[in-house]
Amino acid sequence: MVDLSVDFMGIKLKNPFLLASVPSSTAANMPEAAKAGWAGGVLWGIDAWPEWGKDKGKQPFNRGYVPREFQPVESGYIRKGGKQWWAYQNNLCVPAFNKGGLQIVERAEAICREAKKSGLVIGHNITESDDPEPWVRIAGAAERGGADFLELNWSCPYLPEIGMTVGRDIDVQLTLMRELRKRTDLPVMVKFNAMLETDVLQRMAKQAVSEGANGISISNTLPGFIGIDIETGIPLATELGMDGKIHGVNGGISGPAIRPVALRGMADVHRAVDVPLCGIGGITDWKSALEFMLLGARAVQVGTSVMLFGYQIVEDMIRGLEEYMERKGYKSILDFVGSTADRFMVSAPYGGSALKQPKYLEVDEEQCTGCGLCVTACSSSSSGSGACTMKNGVAHIDPDLCHVCYSCRIVCPTRAIVEKWADGYPL
């Protein structure tokens, strides 16, 4: 038997899977999440602001929030299954916040109290400006409402003067942390954005921990827009402006497209601080969740995948992680958390051993259709080695010429090109 439970900032989680702070993470939806098997959830920060009354937040999305999923223009080429999607653009259109008002505090307390009825571990995400007072008042309300921890959103890319604006100013962060530590004893997790450069991200993480942060989560959505309508020349995500014209808008990009950036951020933070880490960004199944854990995350948050495919996805995540741990002989999550971190290089050196790879590529002749796409990719890739050729209608890879750039494997439509570990390398 394996044990999926983990201690996270002094809080016992029955498994490492948490709902991220997204529109589906409302108080009203927490009972459904609990039934599916989630360990807990982080209430969406905007929950504290829209009207919360007779319907008790039962609307699937909060007022003024517009999540939009767009397929890239390459979707006809890359899309081969119902769940093989790439990215999601989240746009936030909300009225001006009554920052620090009494109603906000009352709503935050009520939402946390309602969410705790689910029996889940509950965190409250706070997104505010550089004024410490709203932060501490909402934190106090969350604590009175029974929240188990706070997540300070220093990374939201949607609106000016909050989120990433706070996340760029280390002096503001220090002031906020010091004021919060005077007013609440709840564990505090700071949410950073992986788009920050390595040295900046590490410096801010270290400073947050030195001022009392109990944990770090990374990453929020990345700023951008998902694509352009080539017929109109307008970005796909649009708003009708006050001038009556249609304008493209930036938003937060989530989904598998941002996972490589989020993983880099996780590796950076793990090298900088020694506190529990929570991985976020493009997690779709247990395998992508495991990538964050191997780089140091004790827990993960899942957002966009839940909005697209429902709360029940956690069932496969739990089962897949259990089977993986049994196969590997792991008894506890901590047996493998961070085990890949010491193999992460900031940058690879040029030349010498960097050209020697511990893997090699082979062609499964039974799967090969002889389409020749791999030959084109090999000859025109950055390596241009010419290792891939056609012999008797079947692809062949010369191991002495192959630089293992994976270009051939990426374009192969039948997955006929497989990778194998070479002998003599310690794994």
Protein backbone atom coordinates (compact mmCIF):
# COMPACT_ATOMS: atom_id res chain seq x y z
CA MET A 1 0.00 0.00 0.00
CA VAL A 2 1.17 3.53 -0.78
CA ASP A 3 0.40 6.67 1.18
CA LEU A 4 -0.59 9.70 -0.90
CA SER A 5 -0.97 11.99 2.10
CA VAL A 6 1.49 14.81 2.58
CA ASP A 7 2.25 17.50 5.14
CA PHE A 8 1.99 20.88 3.46
CA MET A 9 2.84 23.94 5.56
CA GLY A 10 1.74 21.99 8.63
CA ILE A 11 -1.56 20.99 7.01
CA LYS A 12 -2.38 17.33 6.37
CA LEU A 13 -3.49 16.72 2.77
CA LYS A 14 -4.97 13.31 1.98
CA ASN A 15 -3.37 13.53 -1.46
CA PRO A 16 -1.30 16.19 -3.27
CA PHE A 17 -4.11 17.38 -5.58
CA LEU A 18 -5.69 20.79 -4.96
CA LEU A 19 -8.08 22.87 -7.03
CA ALA A 20 -6.34 26.01 -8.26
CA SER A 21 -7.82 29.45 -7.76
CA VAL A 22 -10.05 29.55 -10.87
CA PRO A 23 -13.78 30.25 -11.42
CA SER A 24 -14.68 26.60 -10.75
CA SER A 25 -13.14 26.89 -7.26
CA THR A 26 -16.17 28.42 -5.57
CA ALA A 27 -17.62 27.66 -2.16
CA ALA A 28 -20.73 26.19 -3.75
CA ASN A 29 -18.68 23.76 -5.86
CA MET A 30 -16.46 22.43 -3.08
CA PRO A 31 -18.84 19.60 -2.06
CA GLU A 32 -18.69 18.23 -5.61
CA ALA A 33 -14.91 18.49 -5.57
CA ALA A 34 -14.78 16.68 -2.22
CA LYS A 35 -16.93 13.87 -3.60
CA ALA A 36 -14.58 13.46 -6.57
CA GLY A 37 -11.56 13.05 -4.27
CA TRP A 38 -9.70 16.37 -4.23
CA ALA A 39 -7.70 17.08 -1.09
CA GLY A 40 -8.67 20.73 -1.05
CA GLY A 41 -9.00 23.89 -3.05
CA VAL A 42 -7.93 27.50 -3.23
CA LEU A 43 -10.91 29.81 -3.48
CA TRP A 44 -10.74 32.13 -6.43
CA GLY A 45 -9.63 35.54 -5.19
CA ILE A 46 -12.42 37.42 -6.97
CA ASP A 47 -14.95 35.43 -4.92
CA ALA A 48 -14.70 38.15 -2.30
CA TRP A 49 -15.98 40.87 -4.64
CA PRO A 50 -19.01 39.88 -6.79
CA GLU A 51 -22.44 39.74 -5.22
CA TRP A 52 -22.77 36.81 -2.84
CA GLY A 53 -26.34 36.43 -1.62
CA LYS A 54 -29.40 34.36 -2.30
CA ASP A 55 -27.73 32.05 -4.84
CA LYS A 56 -24.65 31.60 -2.60
CA GLY A 57 -22.30 31.61 -5.55
CA LYS A 58 -23.99 28.75 -7.40
CA GLN A 59 -23.33 30.33 -10.77
CA PRO A 60 -20.56 28.35 -12.52
CA PHE A 61 -18.54 31.51 -13.16
CA ASN A 62 -18.40 34.74 -11.25
CA ARG A 63 -19.99 37.84 -12.67
CA GLY A 64 -17.78 39.67 -15.15
CA TYR A 65 -15.35 36.78 -15.67
CA VAL A 66 -14.94 35.53 -19.24
CA PRO A 67 -12.78 32.41 -19.71
CA ARG A 68 -12.15 31.66 -23.37
CA GLU A 69 -10.52 28.59 -24.86
CA PHE A 70 -9.05 28.93 -28.33
CA GLN A 71 -7.47 26.36 -30.57
CA PRO A 72 -4.27 27.54 -32.26
CA VAL A 73 -4.20 27.97 -36.01
CA GLU A 74 -2.20 24.74 -36.16
CA SER A 75 -5.03 22.79 -34.51
CA GLY A 76 -5.85 20.91 -37.70
CA TYR A 77 -2.32 19.52 -37.65
CA ILE A 78 -1.64 18.92 -33.96
CA ARG A 79 -5.10 17.97 -32.69
CA LYS A 80 -5.48 14.20 -32.71
CA GLY A 81 -7.81 13.64 -29.77
CA GLY A 82 -10.52 15.23 -27.68
CA LYS A 83 -8.16 16.21 -24.86
CA GLN A 84 -5.13 17.20 -26.90
CA TRP A 85 -5.52 20.94 -26.50
CA TRP A 86 -2.82 23.51 -26.25
CA ALA A 87 -3.73 26.71 -24.44
CA TYR A 88 -6.53 28.71 -22.91
CA GLN A 89 -6.90 32.48 -22.63
CA ASN A 90 -8.51 33.79 -19.48
CA ASN A 91 -9.83 37.33 -19.59
CA LEU A 92 -10.98 39.22 -16.54
CA CYS A 93 -13.51 42.00 -16.88
CA VAL A 94 -14.74 43.18 -13.51
CA PRO A 95 -15.99 46.50 -12.15
CA ALA A 96 -13.74 48.62 -9.95
CA PHE A 97 -13.18 46.99 -6.59
CA ASN A 98 -14.31 48.64 -3.37
CA LYS A 99 -10.90 47.97 -1.87
CA GLY A 100 -10.90 47.48 1.88
CA GLY A 101 -14.66 47.96 2.20
CA LEU A 102 -16.60 46.21 4.96
CA GLN A 103 -18.73 44.28 2.46
CA ILE A 104 -15.65 42.65 0.97
CA VAL A 105 -14.57 41.44 4.38
CA GLU A 106 -18.00 40.04 5.19
CA ARG A 107 -18.16 38.20 1.87
CA ALA A 108 -14.70 36.69 2.27
CA GLU A 109 -15.59 35.36 5.71
CA ALA A 110 -18.92 33.93 4.52
CA ILE A 111 -17.38 32.25 1.47
CA CYS A 112 -14.68 30.54 3.53
CA ARG A 113 -17.21 29.36 6.09
CA GLU A 114 -19.41 27.93 3.33
CA ALA A 115 -16.47 26.23 1.61
CA LYS A 116 -15.30 24.57 4.83
CA LYS A 117 -18.62 22.71 5.08
CA SER A 118 -17.30 20.48 2.29
CA GLY A 119 -14.68 19.01 4.62
CA LEU A 120 -11.86 19.99 2.27
CA VAL A 121 -8.71 21.88 3.13
CA ILE A 122 -9.46 25.43 2.01
CA GLY A 123 -7.10 28.20 1.01
CA HIS A 124 -8.14 31.73 0.20
CA ASN A 125 -6.46 33.56 -2.67
CA ILE A 126 -6.06 37.29 -2.08
CA THR A 127 -5.42 39.71 -4.94
CA GLU A 128 -5.05 43.34 -3.99
CA SER A 129 -3.04 46.52 -4.54
CA ASP A 130 0.03 47.87 -2.77
CA ASP A 131 -2.08 49.05 0.18
CA PRO A 132 -1.58 46.53 3.03
CA GLU A 133 -4.93 47.22 4.72
CA PRO A 134 -7.21 45.30 2.29
CA TRP A 135 -4.81 42.34 2.42
CA VAL A 136 -4.83 42.11 6.19
CA ARG A 137 -8.58 42.69 6.51
CA ILE A 138 -9.43 39.98 3.98
CA ALA A 139 -6.86 37.67 5.60
CA GLY A 140 -8.52 38.18 8.95
CA ALA A 141 -11.92 37.48 7.45
CA ALA A 142 -10.65 34.27 5.84
CA GLU A 143 -9.21 33.16 9.17
CA ARG A 144 -12.51 33.83 10.97
CA GLY A 145 -14.29 31.90 8.23
CA GLY A 146 -12.15 28.83 8.90
CA ALA A 147 -9.70 28.97 6.00
CA ASP A 148 -6.70 26.70 6.46
CA PHE A 149 -4.19 28.90 4.64
CA LEU A 150 -3.79 32.02 2.54
CA GLU A 151 -2.41 32.32 -0.97
CA LEU A 152 -1.06 35.77 -1.78
CA ASN A 153 -1.52 36.46 -5.46
CA TRP A 154 1.58 38.42 -6.47
CA SER A 155 1.39 37.20 -10.05
CA CYS A 156 -2.00 37.81 -11.73
CA PRO A 157 -1.41 39.29 -15.23
CA TYR A 158 -4.90 40.66 -15.83
CA LEU A 159 -5.23 44.04 -14.21
CA PRO A 160 -2.96 47.03 -13.53
CA GLU A 161 -1.92 47.95 -9.98
CA ILE A 162 -2.57 44.46 -8.57
CA GLY A 163 -1.13 41.00 -9.12
CA MET A 164 2.05 41.23 -11.15
CA THR A 165 2.42 44.91 -10.33
CA VAL A 166 2.79 43.87 -6.70
CA GLY A 167 4.93 40.93 -7.83
CA ARG A 168 7.52 43.23 -9.37
CA ASP A 169 8.03 45.45 -6.33
CA ILE A 170 10.00 43.75 -3.60
CA ASP A 171 9.56 46.66 -1.19
CA VAL A 172 5.77 46.38 -1.46
CA GLN A 173 5.99 42.63 -0.92
CA LEU A 174 8.04 43.04 2.23
CA THR A 175 5.56 45.55 3.65
CA LEU A 176 2.62 43.26 2.90
CA MET A 177 4.28 40.22 4.47
CA ARG A 178 5.24 42.09 7.62
CA GLU A 179 1.75 43.50 8.09
CA LEU A 180 0.13 40.13 7.44
CA ARG A 181 2.39 38.41 9.93
CA LYS A 182 1.28 40.89 12.59
CA ARG A 183 -2.39 40.17 11.96
CA THR A 184 -2.76 36.46 11.19
CA ASP A 185 -1.28 33.14 12.25
CA LEU A 186 -2.55 31.25 9.19
CA PRO A 187 0.06 29.60 6.97
CA VAL A 188 0.84 31.93 4.08
CA MET A 189 1.76 30.75 0.58
CA VAL A 190 2.98 33.29 -1.98
CA LYS A 191 2.02 32.74 -5.62
CA PHE A 192 4.67 33.90 -8.09
CA ASN A 193 4.74 34.05 -11.88
CA ALA A 194 7.29 31.92 -13.71
CA MET A 195 7.77 34.58 -16.37
CA LEU A 196 10.14 36.34 -13.96
CA GLU A 197 13.83 35.88 -14.68
CA THR A 198 15.59 33.24 -12.59
CA ASP A 199 17.59 35.65 -10.45
CA VAL A 200 14.58 37.91 -9.80
CA LEU A 201 12.31 34.99 -8.95
CA GLN A 202 14.82 33.42 -6.60
CA ARG A 203 15.53 36.72 -4.85
CA MET A 204 11.84 37.40 -4.30
CA ALA A 205 11.18 33.86 -3.08
CA LYS A 206 14.04 34.10 -0.58
CA GLN A 207 12.85 37.46 0.67
CA ALA A 208 9.26 36.28 1.06
CA VAL A 209 10.39 33.29 3.10
CA SER A 210 12.66 35.44 5.26
CA GLU A 211 9.66 37.62 6.12
CA GLY A 212 7.47 34.68 7.12
CA ALA A 213 6.07 32.98 4.02
CA ASN A 214 5.40 29.31 4.78
CA GLY A 215 5.23 28.12 1.19
CA ILE A 216 5.55 29.13 -2.47
CA SER A 217 3.23 28.31 -5.38
CA ILE A 218 4.23 28.76 -9.01
CA SER A 219 3.05 29.62 -11.62
CA ASN A 220 0.14 31.88 -12.37
CA THR A 221 -1.05 32.31 -15.95
CA LEU A 222 1.37 34.01 -18.33
CA PRO A 223 0.41 37.29 -20.01
CA GLY A 224 -0.37 37.12 -23.70
CA PHE A 225 -3.07 36.50 -26.28
CA ILE A 226 -3.83 33.21 -27.90
CA GLY A 227 -3.85 34.17 -31.56
CA ILE A 228 -5.17 36.46 -34.28
CA ASP A 229 -8.16 36.25 -36.58
CA ILE A 230 -6.32 36.60 -39.89
CA GLU A 231 -9.44 37.80 -41.71
CA THR A 232 -9.97 40.82 -39.44
CA GLY A 233 -6.49 41.28 -38.01
CA ILE A 234 -7.94 41.38 -34.48
CA PRO A 235 -6.67 39.18 -31.64
CA LEU A 236 -9.09 36.32 -30.94
CA ALA A 237 -9.97 37.52 -27.44
CA THR A 238 -11.91 40.76 -27.89
CA GLU A 239 -13.77 43.41 -25.93
CA LEU A 240 -16.19 46.09 -27.06
CA GLY A 241 -14.50 49.28 -25.94
CA MET A 242 -16.07 52.43 -24.58
CA ASP A 243 -15.46 53.97 -28.00
CA GLY A 244 -17.80 51.41 -29.57
CA LYS A 245 -14.97 49.65 -31.39
CA ILE A 246 -13.82 46.05 -31.08
CA HIS A 247 -10.42 45.72 -29.48
CA GLY A 248 -8.20 42.74 -28.86
CA VAL A 249 -7.24 42.20 -25.23
CA ASN A 250 -4.42 40.54 -23.39
CA GLY A 251 -5.20 37.88 -20.84
CA GLY A 252 -3.64 35.08 -18.89
CA ILE A 253 -2.50 32.05 -20.88
CA SER A 254 -2.93 28.69 -19.18
CA GLY A 255 -2.93 25.07 -20.25
CA PRO A 256 -0.15 22.74 -21.46
CA ALA A 257 1.46 25.57 -23.46
CA ILE A 258 2.78 27.17 -20.26
CA ARG A 259 3.95 24.04 -18.45
CA PRO A 260 7.58 24.21 -19.65
CA VAL A 261 7.84 27.75 -18.25
CA ALA A 262 6.16 26.77 -14.99
CA LEU A 263 8.49 23.78 -14.58
CA ARG A 264 11.49 26.03 -15.01
CA GLY A 265 10.08 28.32 -12.33
CA MET A 266 9.59 25.35 -9.99
CA ALA A 267 13.19 24.25 -10.46
CA ASP A 268 14.42 27.79 -9.82
CA VAL A 269 12.44 28.22 -6.61
CA HIS A 270 13.37 24.77 -5.31
CA ARG A 271 17.05 25.71 -5.56
CA ALA A 272 16.44 28.97 -3.70
CA VAL A 273 14.25 28.17 -0.68
CA ASP A 274 13.52 25.33 1.72
CA VAL A 275 9.76 25.55 2.23
CA PRO A 276 6.88 23.45 0.83
CA LEU A 277 6.25 24.21 -2.84
CA CYS A 278 3.05 23.91 -4.87
CA GLY A 279 3.21 23.40 -8.64
CA ILE A 280 0.73 25.03 -11.02
CA GLY A 281 0.58 25.38 -14.78
CA GLY A 282 -0.69 23.10 -17.54
CA ILE A 283 -1.34 20.06 -15.36
CA THR A 284 -3.73 17.73 -17.19
CA ASP A 285 -3.09 14.32 -15.64
CA TRP A 286 -1.01 12.51 -13.02
CA LYS A 287 2.05 12.45 -15.27
CA SER A 288 2.22 16.22 -15.69
CA ALA A 289 1.53 16.62 -11.97
CA LEU A 290 4.40 14.25 -11.23
CA GLU A 291 6.81 16.41 -13.22
CA PHE A 292 6.29 19.24 -10.73
CA MET A 293 6.71 16.85 -7.79
CA LEU A 294 9.99 15.51 -9.14
CA LEU A 295 11.24 19.10 -9.28
CA GLY A 296 10.28 19.78 -5.66
CA ALA A 297 6.50 20.29 -5.34
CA ARG A 298 4.79 18.57 -2.42
CA ALA A 299 1.38 19.50 -3.82
CA VAL A 300 -0.05 20.70 -7.12
CA GLN A 301 -2.98 22.84 -8.15
CA VAL A 302 -5.13 22.11 -11.20
CA GLY A 303 -7.32 24.79 -12.75
CA THR A 304 -7.94 24.94 -16.49
CA SER A 305 -8.27 21.17 -16.90
CA VAL A 306 -11.00 21.16 -14.27
CA MET A 307 -12.87 23.93 -16.05
CA LEU A 308 -12.73 21.96 -19.31
CA PHE A 309 -13.19 18.36 -18.17
CA GLY A 310 -14.76 18.48 -14.70
CA TYR A 311 -13.87 17.66 -11.11
CA GLN A 312 -13.79 13.91 -11.76
CA ILE A 313 -10.40 14.12 -13.50
CA VAL A 314 -8.80 13.77 -10.08
CA GLU A 315 -9.93 10.15 -9.93
CA ASP A 316 -7.54 9.18 -12.73
CA MET A 317 -4.83 11.37 -11.21
CA ILE A 318 -5.06 9.59 -7.87
CA ARG A 319 -5.17 6.15 -9.45
CA GLY A 320 -2.27 6.90 -11.81
CA LEU A 321 -0.06 8.24 -9.02
CA GLU A 322 -0.84 5.23 -6.81
CA GLU A 323 0.07 2.80 -9.58
CA TYR A 324 3.27 4.72 -10.32
CA MET A 325 4.35 4.64 -6.69
CA GLU A 326 3.60 0.93 -6.39
CA ARG A 327 5.57 0.21 -9.55
CA LYS A 328 8.53 2.26 -8.32
CA GLY A 329 8.41 0.94 -4.77
CA TYR A 330 7.66 4.34 -3.21
CA LYS A 331 5.71 4.34 0.04
CA SER A 332 5.34 8.08 0.50
CA ILE A 333 5.14 11.21 -1.66
CA LEU A 334 8.30 12.51 -0.01
CA ASP A 335 10.21 9.48 -1.30
CA PHE A 336 10.49 11.16 -4.69
CA VAL A 337 9.67 14.86 -4.23
CA GLY A 338 12.60 16.89 -5.57
CA SER A 339 14.52 13.84 -6.77
CA THR A 340 15.06 15.38 -10.21
CA ALA A 341 16.10 18.81 -8.93
CA ASP A 342 19.83 18.06 -8.79
CA ARG A 343 19.77 17.01 -12.44
CA PHE A 344 18.44 20.34 -13.63
CA MET A 345 21.06 22.54 -15.31
CA VAL A 346 20.57 26.27 -15.67
CA SER A 347 22.08 26.04 -19.14
CA ALA A 348 23.93 23.38 -21.06
CA PRO A 349 27.52 23.97 -22.15
CA TYR A 350 28.34 24.06 -25.84
CA GLY A 351 30.42 21.38 -27.48
CA GLY A 352 32.26 18.50 -25.86
CA SER A 353 30.11 16.13 -23.86
CA ALA A 354 27.00 18.20 -24.58
CA LEU A 355 26.84 16.53 -27.99
CA LYS A 356 26.83 13.08 -26.42
CA GLN A 357 23.37 11.99 -25.37
CA PRO A 358 22.48 9.12 -23.02
CA LYS A 359 19.55 8.22 -25.28
CA TYR A 360 19.27 7.01 -28.84
CA LEU A 361 16.38 6.79 -31.28
CA GLU A 362 15.12 3.71 -33.11
CA VAL A 363 12.40 3.10 -35.69
CA ASP A 364 9.66 0.58 -34.97
CA GLU A 365 9.40 -0.85 -38.47
CA GLU A 366 5.93 -2.28 -37.85
CA GLN A 367 4.58 1.20 -37.06
CA CYS A 368 6.45 3.04 -39.83
CA THR A 369 4.33 3.94 -42.88
CA GLY A 370 7.23 5.23 -44.97
CA CYS A 371 5.80 8.76 -45.17
CA GLY A 372 9.27 10.34 -45.07
CA LEU A 373 8.38 13.22 -42.77
CA CYS A 374 11.20 12.22 -40.45
CA VAL A 375 13.77 12.47 -43.23
CA THR A 376 12.67 16.03 -44.04
CA ALA A 377 12.76 17.04 -40.38
CA CYS A 378 16.18 15.52 -39.86
CA SER A 379 17.79 17.17 -42.88
CA SER A 380 16.31 20.61 -42.17
CA SER A 381 16.53 20.66 -38.35
CA SER A 382 19.13 22.55 -36.34
CA SER A 383 21.33 19.46 -36.25
CA GLY A 384 20.97 18.70 -39.96
CA SER A 385 22.86 15.50 -39.38
CA GLY A 386 21.25 13.42 -42.12
CA ALA A 387 20.97 10.52 -39.69
CA CYS A 388 17.44 9.69 -40.83
CA THR A 389 17.08 8.03 -44.24
CA MET A 390 14.67 5.74 -46.06
CA LYS A 391 15.63 2.13 -46.77
CA ASN A 392 13.24 -0.13 -48.62
CA GLY A 393 10.33 2.14 -47.79
CA VAL A 394 11.07 2.22 -44.06
CA ALA A 395 12.79 4.93 -42.03
CA HIS A 396 16.22 4.19 -40.60
CA ILE A 397 18.27 6.19 -38.06
CA ASP A 398 22.07 6.00 -38.03
CA PRO A 399 23.08 6.20 -34.34
CA ASP A 400 26.56 7.47 -35.22
CA LEU A 401 25.11 10.54 -36.93
CA CYS A 402 22.04 11.17 -34.77
CA HIS A 403 22.24 14.07 -32.29
CA VAL A 404 18.93 13.07 -30.66
CA CYS A 405 17.24 16.39 -31.43
CA TYR A 406 13.81 14.65 -31.59
CA SER A 407 12.73 16.52 -34.73
CA CYS A 408 11.94 13.22 -36.44
CA ARG A 409 9.97 11.99 -33.44
CA ILE A 410 7.90 15.17 -33.27
CA VAL A 411 6.64 14.90 -36.87
CA CYS A 412 6.12 11.13 -36.96
CA PRO A 413 2.35 10.60 -37.33
CA THR A 414 2.36 7.00 -36.06
CA ARG A 415 4.80 7.29 -33.13
CA ALA A 416 7.07 4.85 -34.89
CA ILE A 417 10.23 6.52 -33.57
CA VAL A 418 11.03 5.45 -30.01
CA GLU A 419 13.73 6.55 -27.60
CA LYS A 420 15.90 4.19 -25.58
CA TRP A 421 18.56 4.64 -22.91
CA ALA A 422 22.08 3.81 -23.92
CA ASP A 423 24.09 1.44 -21.74
CA GLY A 424 26.65 2.78 -19.29
CA TYR A 425 24.83 5.87 -18.00
CA PRO A 426 23.74 6.08 -14.33
CA LEU A 427 19.99 6.71 -14.10
